Amino acid sequence: MALQGKVVFKGLDIDEAYVVISSARCSVNNTSAPVLKTAATYNEDGSIKSEAVYENEFTKTLRGSYQANVFLNAAAKTANPNSWITEFHGSYTPDHKDSAKNDVAQAYGALKLVDAYKDLADA
């Protein structure tokens, strides 16, 4: 997978730029927070009749990040995969449903939403 097309780098037009996701990472973070289940009750004199009851609720958050390398063209990448002219990083919200694409494919989807790369074609 890659994207190819015109990219502006340091003010120069690179007409056949070849953009490749070199890594995609996903993390799953679970955070907990106490949630009131039963409010405290009080006696007529203001003393506590029964304490409030709290339970922890967990929230799952997915975070994805990627690194992309930009090559002069596809031939340059084929000749030397370490010859990229620049690299950049981005983020996305991963989808982990059974029907979801893998994280690299999802990173390409996120890359296509970036203004500088949205007009590039799949290569």
Protein backbone atom coordinates (compact mmCIF):
# COMPACT_ATOMS: atom_id res chain seq x y z
CA MET A 1 0.00 0.00 0.00
CA ALA A 2 1.11 3.54 -0.74
CA LEU A 3 -0.13 6.89 -2.00
CA GLN A 4 1.35 8.65 -4.99
CA GLY A 5 1.04 12.11 -6.47
CA LYS A 6 2.14 15.70 -6.13
CA VAL A 7 3.50 16.74 -2.73
CA VAL A 8 5.05 20.09 -1.84
CA PHE A 9 8.21 19.67 0.22
CA LYS A 10 10.11 22.74 1.45
CA GLY A 11 8.47 24.80 -1.29
CA LEU A 12 9.37 22.35 -4.08
CA ASP A 13 6.81 20.35 -6.06
CA ILE A 14 7.50 16.63 -6.08
CA ASP A 15 5.22 15.42 -8.86
CA GLU A 16 5.51 11.67 -8.30
CA ALA A 17 5.96 11.57 -4.53
CA TYR A 18 5.48 8.10 -3.07
CA VAL A 19 4.10 8.09 0.49
CA VAL A 20 4.34 4.92 2.55
CA ILE A 21 3.12 4.17 6.07
CA SER A 22 6.24 2.77 7.73
CA SER A 23 4.62 1.99 11.07
CA ALA A 24 1.18 1.98 12.61
CA ARG A 25 0.60 1.55 16.32
CA CYS A 26 -2.51 1.10 18.36
CA SER A 27 -2.98 1.30 22.10
CA VAL A 28 -5.96 0.34 24.20
CA ASN A 29 -6.37 2.38 27.38
CA ASN A 30 -8.84 1.53 30.13
CA THR A 31 -9.61 4.22 32.67
CA SER A 32 -11.87 3.96 35.66
CA ALA A 33 -13.94 6.52 37.49
CA PRO A 34 -16.22 6.17 40.50
CA VAL A 35 -19.90 6.54 39.68
CA LEU A 36 -22.61 7.11 42.28
CA LYS A 37 -24.97 4.11 42.39
CA THR A 38 -26.92 4.93 45.55
CA ALA A 39 -27.02 8.34 47.17
CA ALA A 40 -26.43 8.75 50.87
CA THR A 41 -29.51 9.07 53.06
CA TYR A 42 -29.70 11.21 56.16
CA ASN A 43 -31.57 11.19 59.44
CA GLU A 44 -33.69 14.14 60.50
CA ASP A 45 -30.81 15.46 62.59
CA GLY A 46 -28.53 15.49 59.53
CA SER A 47 -26.47 12.47 60.51
CA ILE A 48 -25.82 9.82 57.87
CA LYS A 49 -28.36 7.03 57.82
CA SER A 50 -26.66 5.14 54.99
CA GLU A 51 -23.44 5.92 53.15
CA ALA A 52 -23.38 6.67 49.45
CA VAL A 53 -22.43 3.68 47.30
CA TYR A 54 -20.00 4.13 44.42
CA GLU A 55 -18.85 1.65 41.80
CA ASN A 56 -16.00 1.97 39.34
CA GLU A 57 -16.99 2.22 35.70
CA PHE A 58 -14.39 1.54 33.05
CA THR A 59 -13.99 3.37 29.78
CA LYS A 60 -12.01 1.88 26.90
CA THR A 61 -10.19 4.34 24.64
CA LEU A 62 -8.43 3.35 21.43
CA ARG A 63 -5.59 5.49 20.11
CA GLY A 64 -3.67 5.00 16.91
CA SER A 65 -0.59 6.66 15.51
CA TYR A 66 1.45 6.23 12.37
CA GLN A 67 4.69 7.27 10.77
CA ALA A 68 4.81 7.90 7.03
CA ASN A 69 7.83 8.24 4.79
CA VAL A 70 7.84 10.35 1.62
CA PHE A 71 10.02 9.22 -1.29
CA LEU A 72 10.91 11.12 -4.46
CA ASN A 73 9.03 8.42 -6.42
CA ALA A 74 8.25 4.69 -6.34
CA ALA A 75 11.51 3.82 -8.10
CA ALA A 76 13.52 5.61 -5.41
CA LYS A 77 11.73 3.60 -2.72
CA THR A 78 12.35 0.35 -4.59
CA ALA A 79 16.03 1.17 -5.14
CA ASN A 80 16.63 2.10 -1.50
CA PRO A 81 13.84 1.77 1.09
CA ASN A 82 15.87 4.00 3.45
CA SER A 83 16.07 6.93 1.00
CA TRP A 84 12.96 8.85 2.08
CA ILE A 85 13.23 12.63 1.82
CA THR A 86 11.04 13.35 4.84
CA GLU A 87 8.88 11.61 7.38
CA PHE A 88 5.90 12.71 9.41
CA HIS A 89 3.57 11.38 12.07
CA GLY A 90 -0.19 11.36 12.42
CA SER A 91 -2.92 9.93 14.57
CA TYR A 92 -6.25 8.21 14.08
CA THR A 93 -8.97 6.50 16.08
CA PRO A 94 -8.71 2.76 15.43
CA ASP A 95 -11.71 0.56 14.80
CA HIS A 96 -11.43 -2.90 16.35
CA LYS A 97 -14.71 -4.44 15.24
CA ASP A 98 -14.38 -7.87 13.62
CA SER A 99 -15.21 -6.30 10.25
CA ALA A 100 -12.58 -3.53 10.58
CA LYS A 101 -9.53 -3.26 8.35
CA ASN A 102 -6.09 -3.75 9.89
CA ASP A 103 -4.31 -0.84 11.57
CA VAL A 104 -2.08 -0.06 8.58
CA ALA A 105 -5.11 0.21 6.27
CA GLN A 106 -6.83 2.42 8.85
CA ALA A 107 -3.72 4.62 9.04
CA TYR A 108 -3.85 5.08 5.24
CA GLY A 109 -7.50 6.06 5.60
CA ALA A 110 -6.53 8.71 8.15
CA LEU A 111 -3.66 9.92 5.94
CA LYS A 112 -6.09 10.48 3.06
CA LEU A 113 -7.94 12.98 5.28
CA VAL A 114 -4.87 15.19 5.70
CA ASP A 115 -5.11 18.21 3.36
CA ALA A 116 -1.56 17.82 2.02
CA TYR A 117 -2.19 14.20 0.99
CA LYS A 118 -5.94 13.98 0.26
CA ASP A 119 -5.50 14.25 -3.52
CA LEU A 120 -2.92 11.46 -3.79
CA ALA A 121 -3.91 8.27 -5.56
CA ASP A 122 -3.64 4.75 -4.20
CA ALA A 123 -0.48 3.18 -5.57
